[in-house]
Amino acid sequence: MLVTNIETVPGRQIVKHLGLVQGSTVRAKHIGRDIMAGLKNVFGGELKGYTELLQESRDEALGRLQEQAQAVGANAVLNVRFSTSSVAQGAAELFAYGTAVVLDNE
């Protein structure tokens, strides 16, 4: 399945618009990552534990978005965007959304 942040795909036509699809995950911080992040805040540097956590969250949210798109019969999701929000102390939601479409077969 094609997943992209652009509104159209060069050389392809949208033959059916299926609407908004989404995927999300809520993740909590890990105590081990918090300890390392605290040290990095003092000494400086990349917070690799959080970088990994966010990458895992993006991957999971995109996977769920693709599952929803397949369920409605899409072969592509266009104009994909990400959003984050805090839902509780130490927990955040990563939300992916886009437009499910059927593209022609070239």
N, C-alpha and C. Protein backbone atom coordinates (compact mmCIF):
# COMPACT_ATOMS: atom_id res chain seq x y z
N MET A 1 0.84 -1.18 0.00
CA MET A 1 0.00 0.00 0.00
C MET A 1 0.89 1.24 0.00
N LEU A 2 0.54 2.17 -0.85
CA LEU A 2 1.27 3.44 -0.93
C LEU A 2 0.78 4.36 0.18
N VAL A 3 1.69 4.89 0.97
CA VAL A 3 1.38 5.85 2.02
C VAL A 3 2.30 7.04 1.81
N THR A 4 1.70 8.22 1.62
CA THR A 4 2.50 9.40 1.31
C THR A 4 1.90 10.65 1.93
N ASN A 5 2.74 11.67 2.08
CA ASN A 5 2.26 12.93 2.64
C ASN A 5 1.87 13.94 1.56
N ILE A 6 1.93 13.53 0.29
CA ILE A 6 1.50 14.44 -0.79
C ILE A 6 0.04 14.19 -1.13
N GLU A 7 -0.59 15.16 -1.80
CA GLU A 7 -2.03 15.09 -2.07
C GLU A 7 -2.36 14.28 -3.32
N THR A 8 -1.43 14.16 -4.22
CA THR A 8 -1.64 13.37 -5.43
C THR A 8 -0.37 12.58 -5.70
N VAL A 9 -0.49 11.56 -6.55
CA VAL A 9 0.67 10.76 -6.91
C VAL A 9 0.94 11.01 -8.39
N PRO A 10 2.10 11.55 -8.73
CA PRO A 10 2.41 11.84 -10.13
C PRO A 10 2.24 10.59 -11.01
N GLY A 11 1.51 10.77 -12.10
CA GLY A 11 1.29 9.68 -13.04
C GLY A 11 0.17 8.74 -12.67
N ARG A 12 -0.49 8.96 -11.56
CA ARG A 12 -1.59 8.10 -11.12
C ARG A 12 -2.85 8.94 -10.92
N GLN A 13 -3.98 8.33 -11.17
CA GLN A 13 -5.27 9.00 -10.99
C GLN A 13 -6.01 8.39 -9.81
N ILE A 14 -6.67 9.24 -9.05
CA ILE A 14 -7.54 8.76 -7.97
C ILE A 14 -8.86 8.35 -8.62
N VAL A 15 -9.22 7.08 -8.48
CA VAL A 15 -10.47 6.60 -9.08
C VAL A 15 -11.59 6.48 -8.04
N LYS A 16 -11.22 6.48 -6.76
CA LYS A 16 -12.25 6.43 -5.72
C LYS A 16 -11.70 7.04 -4.43
N HIS A 17 -12.50 7.91 -3.84
CA HIS A 17 -12.17 8.55 -2.57
C HIS A 17 -12.93 7.80 -1.47
N LEU A 18 -12.23 7.30 -0.47
CA LEU A 18 -12.85 6.49 0.57
C LEU A 18 -12.93 7.18 1.92
N GLY A 19 -12.36 8.37 2.02
CA GLY A 19 -12.48 9.14 3.25
C GLY A 19 -11.28 9.03 4.19
N LEU A 20 -11.47 9.60 5.35
CA LEU A 20 -10.42 9.69 6.36
C LEU A 20 -10.17 8.33 7.00
N VAL A 21 -8.88 8.00 7.15
CA VAL A 21 -8.48 6.83 7.93
C VAL A 21 -7.48 7.31 8.97
N GLN A 22 -7.37 6.52 10.04
CA GLN A 22 -6.52 6.97 11.14
C GLN A 22 -5.93 5.78 11.87
N GLY A 23 -4.89 6.06 12.60
CA GLY A 23 -4.28 5.07 13.48
C GLY A 23 -3.63 5.80 14.62
N SER A 24 -3.70 5.22 15.80
CA SER A 24 -3.09 5.90 16.94
C SER A 24 -2.53 4.89 17.92
N THR A 25 -1.68 5.38 18.78
CA THR A 25 -1.15 4.61 19.89
C THR A 25 -0.89 5.56 21.04
N VAL A 26 -1.08 5.06 22.25
CA VAL A 26 -0.78 5.84 23.45
C VAL A 26 0.37 5.13 24.15
N ARG A 27 1.42 5.86 24.40
CA ARG A 27 2.61 5.28 25.03
C ARG A 27 2.95 6.05 26.30
N ALA A 28 3.43 5.29 27.27
CA ALA A 28 3.90 5.88 28.52
C ALA A 28 5.42 5.84 28.55
N LYS A 29 5.99 6.77 29.27
CA LYS A 29 7.44 6.79 29.44
C LYS A 29 7.88 5.61 30.28
N HIS A 30 9.09 5.19 30.07
CA HIS A 30 9.68 4.05 30.78
C HIS A 30 10.67 4.61 31.80
N ILE A 31 10.65 4.09 33.01
CA ILE A 31 11.51 4.62 34.08
C ILE A 31 12.99 4.61 33.69
N GLY A 32 13.43 3.55 33.01
CA GLY A 32 14.83 3.50 32.58
C GLY A 32 15.15 4.60 31.58
N ARG A 33 14.21 4.87 30.69
CA ARG A 33 14.42 5.94 29.71
C ARG A 33 14.42 7.29 30.41
N ASP A 34 13.57 7.44 31.43
CA ASP A 34 13.51 8.71 32.17
C ASP A 34 14.82 9.00 32.88
N ILE A 35 15.42 7.97 33.47
CA ILE A 35 16.70 8.16 34.17
C ILE A 35 17.77 8.61 33.18
N MET A 36 17.85 7.93 32.04
CA MET A 36 18.85 8.29 31.03
C MET A 36 18.57 9.68 30.46
N ALA A 37 17.30 10.00 30.27
CA ALA A 37 16.95 11.33 29.75
C ALA A 37 17.36 12.41 30.74
N GLY A 38 17.18 12.13 32.02
CA GLY A 38 17.59 13.09 33.04
C GLY A 38 19.08 13.36 32.99
N LEU A 39 19.87 12.31 32.80
CA LEU A 39 21.32 12.48 32.68
C LEU A 39 21.69 13.25 31.43
N LYS A 40 21.02 12.95 30.33
CA LYS A 40 21.30 13.66 29.07
C LYS A 40 20.94 15.14 29.20
N ASN A 41 19.89 15.45 29.96
CA ASN A 41 19.52 16.85 30.17
C ASN A 41 20.62 17.61 30.89
N VAL A 42 21.35 16.92 31.76
CA VAL A 42 22.44 17.54 32.49
C VAL A 42 23.68 17.68 31.59
N PHE A 43 24.03 16.60 30.89
CA PHE A 43 25.26 16.57 30.11
C PHE A 43 25.09 16.89 28.63
N GLY A 44 23.86 16.88 28.15
CA GLY A 44 23.60 17.17 26.75
C GLY A 44 23.65 15.92 25.89
N GLY A 45 23.06 15.99 24.72
CA GLY A 45 23.07 14.87 23.79
C GLY A 45 21.66 14.42 23.43
N GLU A 46 21.62 13.52 22.46
CA GLU A 46 20.34 12.99 21.98
C GLU A 46 19.72 12.08 23.03
N LEU A 47 18.43 12.18 23.19
CA LEU A 47 17.69 11.30 24.09
C LEU A 47 17.26 10.07 23.29
N LYS A 48 18.19 9.15 23.09
CA LYS A 48 17.97 8.01 22.20
C LYS A 48 16.81 7.13 22.62
N GLY A 49 16.59 6.98 23.91
CA GLY A 49 15.46 6.18 24.39
C GLY A 49 14.15 6.75 23.92
N TYR A 50 14.03 8.09 23.97
CA TYR A 50 12.80 8.73 23.51
C TYR A 50 12.71 8.72 21.99
N THR A 51 13.84 8.85 21.31
CA THR A 51 13.84 8.77 19.85
C THR A 51 13.31 7.41 19.41
N GLU A 52 13.78 6.35 20.07
CA GLU A 52 13.30 5.00 19.74
C GLU A 52 11.82 4.84 20.07
N LEU A 53 11.39 5.38 21.21
CA LEU A 53 9.99 5.30 21.61
C LEU A 53 9.09 5.98 20.58
N LEU A 54 9.50 7.14 20.12
CA LEU A 54 8.70 7.86 19.13
C LEU A 54 8.68 7.14 17.78
N GLN A 55 9.80 6.55 17.37
CA GLN A 55 9.83 5.80 16.11
C GLN A 55 8.91 4.59 16.19
N GLU A 56 8.96 3.87 17.30
CA GLU A 56 8.06 2.73 17.50
C GLU A 56 6.60 3.19 17.46
N SER A 57 6.31 4.32 18.07
CA SER A 57 4.95 4.85 18.10
C SER A 57 4.48 5.23 16.70
N ARG A 58 5.35 5.90 15.93
CA ARG A 58 4.99 6.26 14.55
C ARG A 58 4.71 5.01 13.73
N ASP A 59 5.58 4.00 13.86
CA ASP A 59 5.40 2.76 13.11
C ASP A 59 4.08 2.08 13.46
N GLU A 60 3.76 2.04 14.75
CA GLU A 60 2.51 1.40 15.18
C GLU A 60 1.29 2.17 14.68
N ALA A 61 1.32 3.49 14.79
CA ALA A 61 0.20 4.31 14.32
C ALA A 61 0.02 4.17 12.81
N LEU A 62 1.12 4.16 12.06
CA LEU A 62 1.02 3.97 10.61
C LEU A 62 0.49 2.59 10.25
N GLY A 63 0.92 1.58 10.98
CA GLY A 63 0.41 0.23 10.74
C GLY A 63 -1.09 0.16 10.94
N ARG A 64 -1.58 0.80 11.98
CA ARG A 64 -3.02 0.82 12.25
C ARG A 64 -3.77 1.61 11.19
N LEU A 65 -3.17 2.71 10.73
CA LEU A 65 -3.77 3.49 9.64
C LEU A 65 -3.90 2.62 8.39
N GLN A 66 -2.84 1.88 8.05
CA GLN A 66 -2.87 1.02 6.87
C GLN A 66 -3.90 -0.09 7.01
N GLU A 67 -4.03 -0.67 8.19
CA GLU A 67 -5.05 -1.70 8.42
C GLU A 67 -6.44 -1.15 8.17
N GLN A 68 -6.70 0.06 8.66
CA GLN A 68 -8.01 0.66 8.45
C GLN A 68 -8.24 0.96 6.97
N ALA A 69 -7.20 1.43 6.29
CA ALA A 69 -7.32 1.72 4.86
C ALA A 69 -7.61 0.45 4.06
N GLN A 70 -6.93 -0.63 4.37
CA GLN A 70 -7.18 -1.90 3.69
C GLN A 70 -8.61 -2.37 3.94
N ALA A 71 -9.10 -2.18 5.16
CA ALA A 71 -10.45 -2.62 5.51
C ALA A 71 -11.53 -1.91 4.70
N VAL A 72 -11.26 -0.68 4.25
CA VAL A 72 -12.25 0.04 3.44
C VAL A 72 -11.97 -0.11 1.95
N GLY A 73 -10.94 -0.88 1.57
CA GLY A 73 -10.68 -1.16 0.17
C GLY A 73 -9.70 -0.24 -0.53
N ALA A 74 -8.92 0.51 0.23
CA ALA A 74 -7.96 1.45 -0.36
C ALA A 74 -6.68 0.73 -0.79
N ASN A 75 -6.02 1.31 -1.79
CA ASN A 75 -4.68 0.84 -2.14
C ASN A 75 -3.64 1.93 -1.90
N ALA A 76 -4.09 3.07 -1.34
CA ALA A 76 -3.18 4.17 -1.02
C ALA A 76 -3.80 5.07 0.04
N VAL A 77 -2.93 5.73 0.79
CA VAL A 77 -3.37 6.76 1.74
C VAL A 77 -2.55 8.00 1.43
N LEU A 78 -3.25 9.07 1.12
CA LEU A 78 -2.60 10.32 0.72
C LEU A 78 -2.70 11.36 1.83
N ASN A 79 -1.82 12.36 1.73
CA ASN A 79 -1.84 13.51 2.63
C ASN A 79 -1.74 13.08 4.10
N VAL A 80 -0.86 12.13 4.39
CA VAL A 80 -0.70 11.60 5.75
C VAL A 80 -0.04 12.64 6.64
N ARG A 81 -0.57 12.76 7.83
CA ARG A 81 -0.06 13.69 8.83
C ARG A 81 0.03 12.99 10.17
N PHE A 82 0.87 13.54 11.06
CA PHE A 82 1.01 13.04 12.42
C PHE A 82 0.65 14.15 13.40
N SER A 83 0.13 13.74 14.53
CA SER A 83 -0.19 14.67 15.59
C SER A 83 0.11 13.99 16.92
N THR A 84 0.45 14.76 17.92
CA THR A 84 0.67 14.21 19.25
C THR A 84 -0.13 15.01 20.27
N SER A 85 -0.47 14.34 21.34
CA SER A 85 -1.14 15.04 22.44
C SER A 85 -0.87 14.29 23.74
N SER A 86 -0.88 15.03 24.81
CA SER A 86 -0.70 14.43 26.13
C SER A 86 -2.06 13.97 26.62
N VAL A 87 -2.14 12.71 27.07
CA VAL A 87 -3.43 12.20 27.53
C VAL A 87 -3.44 11.93 29.04
N ALA A 88 -2.27 11.85 29.64
CA ALA A 88 -2.16 11.64 31.09
C ALA A 88 -0.73 11.98 31.50
N GLN A 89 -0.50 12.07 32.78
CA GLN A 89 0.85 12.33 33.28
C GLN A 89 1.81 11.25 32.76
N GLY A 90 2.77 11.63 31.96
CA GLY A 90 3.76 10.68 31.47
C GLY A 90 3.31 9.84 30.30
N ALA A 91 2.14 10.10 29.72
CA ALA A 91 1.65 9.32 28.58
C ALA A 91 1.21 10.26 27.46
N ALA A 92 1.50 9.86 26.23
CA ALA A 92 1.14 10.69 25.09
C ALA A 92 0.58 9.82 23.97
N GLU A 93 -0.31 10.42 23.19
CA GLU A 93 -0.88 9.76 22.03
C GLU A 93 -0.15 10.24 20.79
N LEU A 94 0.18 9.32 19.91
CA LEU A 94 0.68 9.67 18.59
C LEU A 94 -0.40 9.24 17.61
N PHE A 95 -0.87 10.16 16.80
CA PHE A 95 -2.03 9.97 15.94
C PHE A 95 -1.60 10.20 14.50
N ALA A 96 -1.90 9.25 13.62
CA ALA A 96 -1.62 9.39 12.18
C ALA A 96 -2.95 9.38 11.45
N TYR A 97 -3.08 10.25 10.46
CA TYR A 97 -4.32 10.30 9.70
C TYR A 97 -4.04 10.69 8.26
N GLY A 98 -4.95 10.29 7.38
CA GLY A 98 -4.79 10.60 5.97
C GLY A 98 -6.06 10.25 5.22
N THR A 99 -6.01 10.40 3.90
CA THR A 99 -7.16 10.15 3.05
C THR A 99 -6.97 8.83 2.30
N ALA A 100 -7.88 7.90 2.53
CA ALA A 100 -7.85 6.60 1.85
C ALA A 100 -8.43 6.77 0.45
N VAL A 101 -7.70 6.23 -0.54
CA VAL A 101 -8.15 6.31 -1.93
C VAL A 101 -7.85 5.01 -2.65
N VAL A 102 -8.46 4.87 -3.80
CA VAL A 102 -8.09 3.83 -4.74
C VAL A 102 -7.44 4.53 -5.93
N LEU A 103 -6.21 4.15 -6.22
CA LEU A 103 -5.50 4.70 -7.38
C LEU A 103 -5.63 3.74 -8.56
N ASP A 104 -5.54 4.28 -9.76
CA ASP A 104 -5.54 3.42 -10.94
C ASP A 104 -4.28 2.57 -10.96
N ASN A 105 -4.23 1.61 -11.83
CA ASN A 105 -3.09 0.69 -11.91
C ASN A 105 -2.01 1.16 -12.86
N GLU A 106 -1.85 2.42 -13.03
CA GLU A 106 -0.86 3.06 -13.90
C GLU A 106 -1.25 2.84 -15.30
